[in-house]
Amino acid sequence: MTLETRAWLSLVVLALTMACLLFVPAGTLRYWEAWVYLAIFNGASTLMTIFLMRHDPALLERRMKGGPAAETRPAQRIIMAAVSFGFIALLVVPALDHRYSWSAPPLGAVVLGDVLTALGFYFIFLVYRENSFGAATIQVEESQRVISTGPYAIVRHPMYASGALYVLGTPLALGSYWGVVPIVAMLPFLIWRLIDEERLLVKSLPGYVEYRRKVRHRLIPHFW
């Protein structure tokens, strides 16, 4: 099976899985916030996949190898198992919220969530464009080099920072305040993953120690 075929199949499976995680717990298809969110998520994912197919198939291959089973280190398997469960809850909890009317964010909050989701994907695209070694697993390849341009000139982990935008936007986009709970539960594992990745980069990636001195903040400019 070619890379392009696998990529398209993965997109279809992801779209169907996300739809099931939203509409089955919601108990209805009359959930407009979910339809808009899925349009943004799937549209952005499709555009980025097309971009990688044309300009960086090696990165596309790397991004398709993710999840707990793809990690080679036990700590990262634990982290990714917890994060994967958290992402499922990030969709299911707002869907249940919609079904049982636990909270009701105003339209402005939903729009803000959609904007954050779209911005998150846009910044992820900028990271993809800058760094061909942005794998979905924690690893250092033999030919890998330090990237210090583009978003990497601002923070050391722009992929995490960009992902945080759409993660934070997801509950609001889906019309739920309770959807923030899975984010709080995932946060320690995401921080653990980031710090563990930095240890590996310091140990295994030439030039990373100097880069870390130059770009002092990991995730949030002027804060952390």
C-alpha atoms as a PDB file:
ATOM      1  CA  MET A   1       0.000   0.000   0.000  1.00  0.00           C
ATOM      2  CA  THR A   2       1.454   3.365  -1.009  1.00  0.00           C
ATOM      3  CA  LEU A   3       2.078   6.201   1.428  1.00  0.00           C
ATOM      4  CA  GLU A   4      -0.663   8.295  -0.202  1.00  0.00           C
ATOM      5  CA  THR A   5      -3.208   5.476   0.106  1.00  0.00           C
ATOM      6  CA  ARG A   6      -2.331   4.890   3.748  1.00  0.00           C
ATOM      7  CA  ALA A   7      -2.560   8.619   4.447  1.00  0.00           C
ATOM      8  CA  TRP A   8      -6.017   8.957   2.877  1.00  0.00           C
ATOM      9  CA  LEU A   9      -7.231   5.822   4.648  1.00  0.00           C
ATOM     10  CA  SER A  10      -5.978   7.176   7.970  1.00  0.00           C
ATOM     11  CA  LEU A  11      -7.821  10.447   7.396  1.00  0.00           C
ATOM     12  CA  VAL A  12     -11.087   8.618   6.647  1.00  0.00           C
ATOM     13  CA  VAL A  13     -10.716   6.383   9.701  1.00  0.00           C
ATOM     14  CA  LEU A  14      -9.911   9.377  11.908  1.00  0.00           C
ATOM     15  CA  ALA A  15     -12.903  11.341  10.606  1.00  0.00           C
ATOM     16  CA  LEU A  16     -15.297   8.440  11.177  1.00  0.00           C
ATOM     17  CA  THR A  17     -13.870   7.718  14.621  1.00  0.00           C
ATOM     18  CA  MET A  18     -14.202  11.333  15.715  1.00  0.00           C
ATOM     19  CA  ALA A  19     -17.754  11.494  14.379  1.00  0.00           C
ATOM     20  CA  CYS A  20     -18.681   8.395  16.386  1.00  0.00           C
ATOM     21  CA  LEU A  21     -17.046   9.783  19.546  1.00  0.00           C
ATOM     22  CA  LEU A  22     -19.125  12.939  19.199  1.00  0.00           C
ATOM     23  CA  PHE A  23     -22.512  11.939  17.851  1.00  0.00           C
ATOM     24  CA  VAL A  24     -23.009   8.603  19.639  1.00  0.00           C
ATOM     25  CA  PRO A  25     -22.553  10.035  23.183  1.00  0.00           C
ATOM     26  CA  ALA A  26     -24.540  13.126  22.140  1.00  0.00           C
ATOM     27  CA  GLY A  27     -27.380  10.844  21.090  1.00  0.00           C
ATOM     28  CA  THR A  28     -28.208  13.033  18.109  1.00  0.00           C
ATOM     29  CA  LEU A  29     -26.907  14.379  14.835  1.00  0.00           C
ATOM     30  CA  ARG A  30     -28.443  17.746  15.684  1.00  0.00           C
ATOM     31  CA  TYR A  31     -25.238  19.026  17.209  1.00  0.00           C
ATOM     32  CA  TRP A  32     -24.136  21.905  15.005  1.00  0.00           C
ATOM     33  CA  GLU A  33     -21.106  22.741  17.118  1.00  0.00           C
ATOM     34  CA  ALA A  34     -19.723  19.270  16.421  1.00  0.00           C
ATOM     35  CA  TRP A  35     -20.352  19.587  12.678  1.00  0.00           C
ATOM     36  CA  VAL A  36     -18.458  22.889  12.527  1.00  0.00           C
ATOM     37  CA  TYR A  37     -15.605  21.522  14.649  1.00  0.00           C
ATOM     38  CA  LEU A  38     -15.291  18.419  12.462  1.00  0.00           C
ATOM     39  CA  ALA A  39     -15.278  20.567   9.334  1.00  0.00           C
ATOM     40  CA  ILE A  40     -12.380  22.631  10.707  1.00  0.00           C
ATOM     41  CA  PHE A  41     -10.459  19.634  12.040  1.00  0.00           C
ATOM     42  CA  ASN A  42     -10.887  17.413   8.993  1.00  0.00           C
ATOM     43  CA  GLY A  43     -10.411  20.279   6.557  1.00  0.00           C
ATOM     44  CA  ALA A  44      -7.153  21.343   8.181  1.00  0.00           C
ATOM     45  CA  SER A  45      -5.940  17.745   8.441  1.00  0.00           C
ATOM     46  CA  THR A  46      -6.686  17.155   4.764  1.00  0.00           C
ATOM     47  CA  LEU A  47      -4.901  20.318   3.617  1.00  0.00           C
ATOM     48  CA  MET A  48      -1.818  19.524   5.688  1.00  0.00           C
ATOM     49  CA  THR A  49      -1.761  15.946   4.420  1.00  0.00           C
ATOM     50  CA  ILE A  50      -1.876  17.162   0.814  1.00  0.00           C
ATOM     51  CA  PHE A  51       0.930  19.623   1.561  1.00  0.00           C
ATOM     52  CA  LEU A  52       3.109  16.880   3.067  1.00  0.00           C
ATOM     53  CA  MET A  53       2.365  14.485   0.200  1.00  0.00           C
ATOM     54  CA  ARG A  54       3.654  17.056  -2.263  1.00  0.00           C
ATOM     55  CA  HIS A  55       6.493  18.673  -0.334  1.00  0.00           C
ATOM     56  CA  ASP A  56       7.655  16.373   2.492  1.00  0.00           C
ATOM     57  CA  PRO A  57       6.541  12.736   2.217  1.00  0.00           C
ATOM     58  CA  ALA A  58       9.254  11.731   4.708  1.00  0.00           C
ATOM     59  CA  LEU A  59       7.609  13.866   7.384  1.00  0.00           C
ATOM     60  CA  LEU A  60       4.198  12.458   6.468  1.00  0.00           C
ATOM     61  CA  GLU A  61       5.609   8.976   7.015  1.00  0.00           C
ATOM     62  CA  ARG A  62       6.984  10.030  10.401  1.00  0.00           C
ATOM     63  CA  ARG A  63       3.692  11.632  11.468  1.00  0.00           C
ATOM     64  CA  MET A  64       1.747   8.474  10.622  1.00  0.00           C
ATOM     65  CA  LYS A  65       3.770   6.411  13.085  1.00  0.00           C
ATOM     66  CA  GLY A  66       2.321   7.527  16.393  1.00  0.00           C
ATOM     67  CA  GLY A  67       0.526   6.326  19.492  1.00  0.00           C
ATOM     68  CA  PRO A  68       1.611   4.208  22.488  1.00  0.00           C
ATOM     69  CA  ALA A  69       2.648   1.187  20.403  1.00  0.00           C
ATOM     70  CA  ALA A  70       4.983   3.280  18.224  1.00  0.00           C
ATOM     71  CA  GLU A  71       7.006   4.587  21.167  1.00  0.00           C
ATOM     72  CA  THR A  72      10.241   2.752  21.937  1.00  0.00           C
ATOM     73  CA  ARG A  73      10.645   3.905  25.541  1.00  0.00           C
ATOM     74  CA  PRO A  74       8.408   2.580  28.363  1.00  0.00           C
ATOM     75  CA  ALA A  75       7.816   6.011  29.914  1.00  0.00           C
ATOM     76  CA  GLN A  76       6.575   7.393  26.605  1.00  0.00           C
ATOM     77  CA  ARG A  77       4.258   4.405  26.123  1.00  0.00           C
ATOM     78  CA  ILE A  78       2.642   5.212  29.469  1.00  0.00           C
ATOM     79  CA  ILE A  79       2.408   8.901  28.630  1.00  0.00           C
ATOM     80  CA  MET A  80       0.890   8.317  25.202  1.00  0.00           C
ATOM     81  CA  ALA A  81      -1.628   5.801  26.550  1.00  0.00           C
ATOM     82  CA  ALA A  82      -2.832   8.402  29.051  1.00  0.00           C
ATOM     83  CA  VAL A  83      -2.839  11.179  26.448  1.00  0.00           C
ATOM     84  CA  SER A  84      -4.747   9.014  23.953  1.00  0.00           C
ATOM     85  CA  PHE A  85      -7.419   8.331  26.551  1.00  0.00           C
ATOM     86  CA  GLY A  86      -7.497  12.050  27.319  1.00  0.00           C
ATOM     87  CA  PHE A  87      -8.090  12.959  23.679  1.00  0.00           C
ATOM     88  CA  ILE A  88     -10.993  10.522  23.525  1.00  0.00           C
ATOM     89  CA  ALA A  89     -12.456  12.118  26.647  1.00  0.00           C
ATOM     90  CA  LEU A  90     -11.904  15.544  25.083  1.00  0.00           C
ATOM     91  CA  LEU A  91     -14.599  14.641  22.543  1.00  0.00           C
ATOM     92  CA  VAL A  92     -16.847  12.382  24.605  1.00  0.00           C
ATOM     93  CA  VAL A  93     -17.275  14.717  27.593  1.00  0.00           C
ATOM     94  CA  PRO A  94     -18.511  17.695  25.500  1.00  0.00           C
ATOM     95  CA  ALA A  95     -20.828  15.330  23.619  1.00  0.00           C
ATOM     96  CA  LEU A  96     -22.314  14.133  26.906  1.00  0.00           C
ATOM     97  CA  ASP A  97     -22.494  17.748  28.014  1.00  0.00           C
ATOM     98  CA  HIS A  98     -24.536  18.509  24.906  1.00  0.00           C
ATOM     99  CA  ARG A  99     -26.820  15.558  25.554  1.00  0.00           C
ATOM    100  CA  TYR A 100     -27.523  16.349  29.200  1.00  0.00           C
ATOM    101  CA  SER A 101     -27.136  20.165  29.063  1.00  0.00           C
ATOM    102  CA  TRP A 102     -24.562  20.393  31.818  1.00  0.00           C
ATOM    103  CA  SER A 103     -23.291  23.754  30.535  1.00  0.00           C
ATOM    104  CA  ALA A 104     -24.188  26.245  27.833  1.00  0.00           C
ATOM    105  CA  PRO A 105     -21.355  28.507  26.605  1.00  0.00           C
ATOM    106  CA  PRO A 106     -22.586  31.480  24.555  1.00  0.00           C
ATOM    107  CA  LEU A 107     -22.127  31.654  20.800  1.00  0.00           C
ATOM    108  CA  GLY A 108     -19.121  33.929  21.196  1.00  0.00           C
ATOM    109  CA  ALA A 109     -17.314  31.270  23.246  1.00  0.00           C
ATOM    110  CA  VAL A 110     -18.040  28.622  20.607  1.00  0.00           C
ATOM    111  CA  VAL A 111     -16.685  30.882  17.862  1.00  0.00           C
ATOM    112  CA  LEU A 112     -13.588  31.561  19.973  1.00  0.00           C
ATOM    113  CA  GLY A 113     -13.078  27.812  20.303  1.00  0.00           C
ATOM    114  CA  ASP A 114     -13.319  27.379  16.541  1.00  0.00           C
ATOM    115  CA  VAL A 115     -10.816  30.194  16.000  1.00  0.00           C
ATOM    116  CA  LEU A 116      -8.350  28.652  18.498  1.00  0.00           C
ATOM    117  CA  THR A 117      -8.723  25.280  16.784  1.00  0.00           C
ATOM    118  CA  ALA A 118      -8.021  26.776  13.357  1.00  0.00           C
ATOM    119  CA  LEU A 119      -5.070  28.805  14.667  1.00  0.00           C
ATOM    120  CA  GLY A 120      -3.630  25.726  16.333  1.00  0.00           C
ATOM    121  CA  PHE A 121      -3.660  23.864  13.041  1.00  0.00           C
ATOM    122  CA  TYR A 122      -2.160  26.832  11.193  1.00  0.00           C
ATOM    123  CA  PHE A 123       0.767  27.025  13.598  1.00  0.00           C
ATOM    124  CA  ILE A 124       1.239  23.253  13.369  1.00  0.00           C
ATOM    125  CA  PHE A 125       1.501  23.710   9.605  1.00  0.00           C
ATOM    126  CA  LEU A 126       4.245  26.311  10.177  1.00  0.00           C
ATOM    127  CA  VAL A 127       6.095  23.787  12.337  1.00  0.00           C
ATOM    128  CA  TYR A 128       5.769  21.085   9.657  1.00  0.00           C
ATOM    129  CA  ARG A 129       7.096  23.497   7.050  1.00  0.00           C
ATOM    130  CA  GLU A 130      10.121  24.330   9.193  1.00  0.00           C
ATOM    131  CA  ASN A 131      11.048  20.928  10.619  1.00  0.00           C
ATOM    132  CA  SER A 132      11.072  17.755   8.541  1.00  0.00           C
ATOM    133  CA  PHE A 133      12.038  15.737  11.627  1.00  0.00           C
ATOM    134  CA  GLY A 134       8.841  16.482  13.557  1.00  0.00           C
ATOM    135  CA  ALA A 135       7.951  12.843  14.176  1.00  0.00           C
ATOM    136  CA  ALA A 136       4.930  11.757  16.204  1.00  0.00           C
ATOM    137  CA  THR A 137       7.226   9.718  18.452  1.00  0.00           C
ATOM    138  CA  ILE A 138      10.090  10.779  20.701  1.00  0.00           C
ATOM    139  CA  GLN A 139      13.252   9.937  18.784  1.00  0.00           C
ATOM    140  CA  VAL A 140      16.445  11.376  17.346  1.00  0.00           C
ATOM    141  CA  GLU A 141      17.413  10.265  13.854  1.00  0.00           C
ATOM    142  CA  GLU A 142      20.973   9.949  12.639  1.00  0.00           C
ATOM    143  CA  SER A 143      20.722  12.826  10.157  1.00  0.00           C
ATOM    144  CA  GLN A 144      18.614  15.063  12.426  1.00  0.00           C
ATOM    145  CA  ARG A 145      19.798  18.582  13.159  1.00  0.00           C
ATOM    146  CA  VAL A 146      18.695  21.394  15.453  1.00  0.00           C
ATOM    147  CA  ILE A 147      16.062  23.691  13.960  1.00  0.00           C
ATOM    148  CA  SER A 148      16.275  27.239  15.313  1.00  0.00           C
ATOM    149  CA  THR A 149      14.315  29.219  12.716  1.00  0.00           C
ATOM    150  CA  GLY A 150      10.644  30.075  12.266  1.00  0.00           C
ATOM    151  CA  PRO A 151       8.536  29.110  15.306  1.00  0.00           C
ATOM    152  CA  TYR A 152      11.584  27.388  16.814  1.00  0.00           C
ATOM    153  CA  ALA A 153      13.151  30.823  17.274  1.00  0.00           C
ATOM    154  CA  ILE A 154      10.324  31.703  19.670  1.00  0.00           C
ATOM    155  CA  VAL A 155       9.886  28.568  21.790  1.00  0.00           C
ATOM    156  CA  ARG A 156      11.720  25.246  21.870  1.00  0.00           C
ATOM    157  CA  HIS A 157       8.585  23.136  21.447  1.00  0.00           C
ATOM    158  CA  PRO A 158       6.283  24.958  19.013  1.00  0.00           C
ATOM    159  CA  MET A 159       4.474  21.730  18.113  1.00  0.00           C
ATOM    160  CA  TYR A 160       3.255  21.413  21.703  1.00  0.00           C
ATOM    161  CA  ALA A 161       2.394  25.101  21.852  1.00  0.00           C
ATOM    162  CA  SER A 162       0.412  24.901  18.619  1.00  0.00           C
ATOM    163  CA  GLY A 163      -1.357  21.729  19.681  1.00  0.00           C
ATOM    164  CA  ALA A 164      -2.264  23.383  22.963  1.00  0.00           C
ATOM    165  CA  LEU A 165      -4.259  26.006  21.057  1.00  0.00           C
ATOM    166  CA  TYR A 166      -6.576  23.527  19.381  1.00  0.00           C
ATOM    167  CA  VAL A 167      -6.793  21.383  22.516  1.00  0.00           C
ATOM    168  CA  LEU A 168      -7.876  24.431  24.529  1.00  0.00           C
ATOM    169  CA  GLY A 169     -10.243  25.456  21.758  1.00  0.00           C
ATOM    170  CA  THR A 170     -11.917  22.058  21.427  1.00  0.00           C
ATOM    171  CA  PRO A 171     -14.249  22.156  24.471  1.00  0.00           C
ATOM    172  CA  LEU A 172     -15.442  25.660  23.658  1.00  0.00           C
ATOM    173  CA  ALA A 173     -15.875  24.817  19.971  1.00  0.00           C
ATOM    174  CA  LEU A 174     -18.022  21.867  21.031  1.00  0.00           C
ATOM    175  CA  GLY A 175     -20.130  24.050  23.326  1.00  0.00           C
ATOM    176  CA  SER A 176     -18.908  22.700  26.639  1.00  0.00           C
ATOM    177  CA  TYR A 177     -17.216  24.013  29.749  1.00  0.00           C
ATOM    178  CA  TRP A 178     -16.954  20.511  31.236  1.00  0.00           C
ATOM    179  CA  GLY A 179     -14.696  19.522  28.364  1.00  0.00           C
ATOM    180  CA  VAL A 180     -11.905  21.369  30.145  1.00  0.00           C
ATOM    181  CA  VAL A 181     -11.712  18.527  32.711  1.00  0.00           C
ATOM    182  CA  PRO A 182      -9.901  16.096  30.339  1.00  0.00           C
ATOM    183  CA  ILE A 183      -7.405  18.853  29.517  1.00  0.00           C
ATOM    184  CA  VAL A 184      -6.580  19.269  33.202  1.00  0.00           C
ATOM    185  CA  ALA A 185      -6.171  15.485  33.495  1.00  0.00           C
ATOM    186  CA  MET A 186      -3.869  15.344  30.443  1.00  0.00           C
ATOM    187  CA  LEU A 187      -1.706  18.311  31.430  1.00  0.00           C
ATOM    188  CA  PRO A 188       0.715  16.469  33.787  1.00  0.00           C
ATOM    189  CA  PHE A 189       1.338  13.794  31.147  1.00  0.00           C
ATOM    190  CA  LEU A 190       1.953  16.360  28.408  1.00  0.00           C
ATOM    191  CA  ILE A 191       4.435  18.223  30.614  1.00  0.00           C
ATOM    192  CA  TRP A 192       6.098  14.902  31.479  1.00  0.00           C
ATOM    193  CA  ARG A 193       6.392  14.108  27.765  1.00  0.00           C
ATOM    194  CA  LEU A 194       7.884  17.508  26.961  1.00  0.00           C
ATOM    195  CA  ILE A 195      10.477  17.342  29.741  1.00  0.00           C
ATOM    196  CA  ASP A 196      11.376  13.747  28.888  1.00  0.00           C
ATOM    197  CA  GLU A 197      11.823  14.734  25.240  1.00  0.00           C
ATOM    198  CA  GLU A 198      14.146  17.572  26.241  1.00  0.00           C
ATOM    199  CA  ARG A 199      16.332  15.167  28.205  1.00  0.00           C
ATOM    200  CA  LEU A 200      16.674  12.968  25.139  1.00  0.00           C
ATOM    201  CA  LEU A 201      17.463  15.922  22.864  1.00  0.00           C
ATOM    202  CA  VAL A 202      20.113  17.253  25.252  1.00  0.00           C
ATOM    203  CA  LYS A 203      21.724  13.820  25.369  1.00  0.00           C
ATOM    204  CA  SER A 204      21.422  12.777  21.728  1.00  0.00           C
ATOM    205  CA  LEU A 205      21.000  15.794  19.420  1.00  0.00           C
ATOM    206  CA  PRO A 206      24.222  17.722  18.667  1.00  0.00           C
ATOM    207  CA  GLY A 207      23.832  21.449  19.179  1.00  0.00           C
ATOM    208  CA  TYR A 208      20.679  21.234  21.283  1.00  0.00           C
ATOM    209  CA  VAL A 209      22.397  22.431  24.469  1.00  0.00           C
ATOM    210  CA  GLU A 210      23.506  25.605  22.691  1.00  0.00           C
ATOM    211  CA  TYR A 211      20.057  26.050  21.168  1.00  0.00           C
ATOM    212  CA  ARG A 212      18.479  25.717  24.614  1.00  0.00           C
ATOM    213  CA  ARG A 213      20.681  28.536  25.890  1.00  0.00           C
ATOM    214  CA  LYS A 214      19.626  30.717  22.966  1.00  0.00           C
ATOM    215  CA  VAL A 215      15.878  29.984  23.123  1.00  0.00           C
ATOM    216  CA  ARG A 216      15.117  29.934  26.810  1.00  0.00           C
ATOM    217  CA  HIS A 217      11.393  29.192  26.858  1.00  0.00           C
ATOM    218  CA  ARG A 218       9.920  25.760  26.226  1.00  0.00           C
ATOM    219  CA  LEU A 219       6.259  26.418  25.499  1.00  0.00           C
ATOM    220  CA  ILE A 220       5.061  29.926  26.361  1.00  0.00           C
ATOM    221  CA  PRO A 221       7.175  32.956  25.335  1.00  0.00           C
ATOM    222  CA  HIS A 222       8.488  34.976  28.299  1.00  0.00           C
ATOM    223  CA  PHE A 223       6.874  32.552  30.778  1.00  0.00           C
ATOM    224  CA  TRP A 224       7.971  28.887  30.541  1.00  0.00           C
END
